[in-house]
Amino acid sequence: MATIITVSKKCIERLLSGHLWVFNNELKTIAGSYANGDIV
């Protein structure tokens, strides 16, 4: 099952403008499990 991550509105705007990273303070919820380096 895929891990689903919800991010802040500000983060969504940056991602849509081409930014490649999500910072830890922009994470709202994480549903599922993951390991470092996983694609989520």
N, C-alpha and C. Protein backbone atom coordinates (compact mmCIF):
# COMPACT_ATOMS: atom_id res chain seq x y z
N MET A 1 0.83 -1.18 0.00
CA MET A 1 0.00 0.00 0.00
C MET A 1 0.89 1.25 0.00
N ALA A 2 0.48 2.26 -0.73
CA ALA A 2 1.26 3.49 -0.83
C ALA A 2 1.14 4.31 0.44
N THR A 3 2.19 5.03 0.74
CA THR A 3 2.16 5.99 1.84
C THR A 3 1.61 7.30 1.30
N ILE A 4 0.69 7.90 2.03
CA ILE A 4 0.08 9.16 1.61
C ILE A 4 0.52 10.25 2.58
N ILE A 5 1.08 11.33 2.02
CA ILE A 5 1.54 12.46 2.82
C ILE A 5 0.73 13.69 2.44
N THR A 6 0.22 14.39 3.45
CA THR A 6 -0.49 15.65 3.23
C THR A 6 0.47 16.78 3.60
N VAL A 7 0.57 17.78 2.71
CA VAL A 7 1.48 18.90 2.94
C VAL A 7 0.70 20.21 3.03
N SER A 8 1.38 21.25 3.48
CA SER A 8 0.74 22.56 3.64
C SER A 8 0.42 23.19 2.28
N LYS A 9 -0.48 24.16 2.31
CA LYS A 9 -0.87 24.87 1.09
C LYS A 9 0.34 25.58 0.48
N LYS A 10 1.16 26.19 1.32
CA LYS A 10 2.36 26.88 0.83
C LYS A 10 3.28 25.90 0.10
N CYS A 11 3.41 24.70 0.63
CA CYS A 11 4.24 23.67 0.01
C CYS A 11 3.69 23.27 -1.35
N ILE A 12 2.38 23.11 -1.45
CA ILE A 12 1.75 22.75 -2.72
C ILE A 12 2.07 23.80 -3.77
N GLU A 13 1.96 25.07 -3.40
CA GLU A 13 2.25 26.15 -4.34
C GLU A 13 3.69 26.09 -4.82
N ARG A 14 4.64 25.82 -3.92
CA ARG A 14 6.05 25.72 -4.31
C ARG A 14 6.28 24.53 -5.22
N LEU A 15 5.68 23.38 -4.90
CA LEU A 15 5.85 22.19 -5.73
C LEU A 15 5.31 22.41 -7.14
N LEU A 16 4.16 23.07 -7.24
CA LEU A 16 3.56 23.33 -8.55
C LEU A 16 4.38 24.33 -9.37
N SER A 17 5.18 25.15 -8.69
CA SER A 17 6.03 26.11 -9.41
C SER A 17 7.39 25.51 -9.77
N GLY A 18 7.61 24.21 -9.41
CA GLY A 18 8.82 23.52 -9.83
C GLY A 18 9.82 23.18 -8.74
N HIS A 19 9.58 23.58 -7.51
CA HIS A 19 10.49 23.26 -6.41
C HIS A 19 10.48 21.75 -6.20
N LEU A 20 11.64 21.16 -5.92
CA LEU A 20 11.77 19.70 -5.85
C LEU A 20 11.70 19.11 -4.45
N TRP A 21 11.77 19.93 -3.41
CA TRP A 21 11.87 19.39 -2.06
C TRP A 21 10.66 19.74 -1.21
N VAL A 22 10.38 18.85 -0.25
CA VAL A 22 9.38 19.11 0.78
C VAL A 22 10.14 19.08 2.11
N PHE A 23 10.01 20.13 2.89
CA PHE A 23 10.70 20.22 4.17
C PHE A 23 9.82 19.68 5.29
N ASN A 24 10.46 19.21 6.36
CA ASN A 24 9.71 18.54 7.43
C ASN A 24 8.67 19.43 8.10
N ASN A 25 8.88 20.75 8.13
CA ASN A 25 7.89 21.62 8.76
C ASN A 25 6.67 21.85 7.87
N GLU A 26 6.68 21.33 6.63
CA GLU A 26 5.56 21.47 5.70
C GLU A 26 4.65 20.24 5.70
N LEU A 27 5.05 19.19 6.40
CA LEU A 27 4.25 17.97 6.48
C LEU A 27 3.10 18.16 7.46
N LYS A 28 1.90 17.77 7.04
CA LYS A 28 0.74 17.85 7.93
C LYS A 28 0.40 16.48 8.49
N THR A 29 0.23 15.47 7.62
CA THR A 29 -0.07 14.11 8.08
C THR A 29 0.68 13.10 7.21
N ILE A 30 0.93 11.93 7.80
CA ILE A 30 1.54 10.81 7.08
C ILE A 30 0.69 9.58 7.37
N ALA A 31 0.11 8.98 6.31
CA ALA A 31 -0.72 7.78 6.46
C ALA A 31 0.02 6.61 5.82
N GLY A 32 0.43 5.66 6.63
CA GLY A 32 1.18 4.52 6.14
C GLY A 32 2.59 4.53 6.70
N SER A 33 3.39 3.58 6.26
CA SER A 33 4.77 3.51 6.74
C SER A 33 5.72 3.75 5.58
N TYR A 34 6.94 4.14 5.91
CA TYR A 34 7.94 4.44 4.89
C TYR A 34 9.33 4.28 5.50
N ALA A 35 10.32 4.20 4.63
CA ALA A 35 11.72 4.19 5.04
C ALA A 35 12.40 5.36 4.34
N ASN A 36 13.51 5.83 4.90
CA ASN A 36 14.25 6.92 4.26
C ASN A 36 14.55 6.57 2.81
N GLY A 37 14.28 7.52 1.92
CA GLY A 37 14.54 7.33 0.50
C GLY A 37 13.38 6.77 -0.29
N ASP A 38 12.30 6.34 0.38
CA ASP A 38 11.13 5.82 -0.34
C ASP A 38 10.45 6.92 -1.14
N ILE A 39 9.85 6.54 -2.24
CA ILE A 39 9.01 7.45 -3.01
C ILE A 39 7.62 7.39 -2.41
N VAL A 40 7.07 8.55 -2.07
CA VAL A 40 5.75 8.59 -1.44
C VAL A 40 4.84 9.54 -2.19
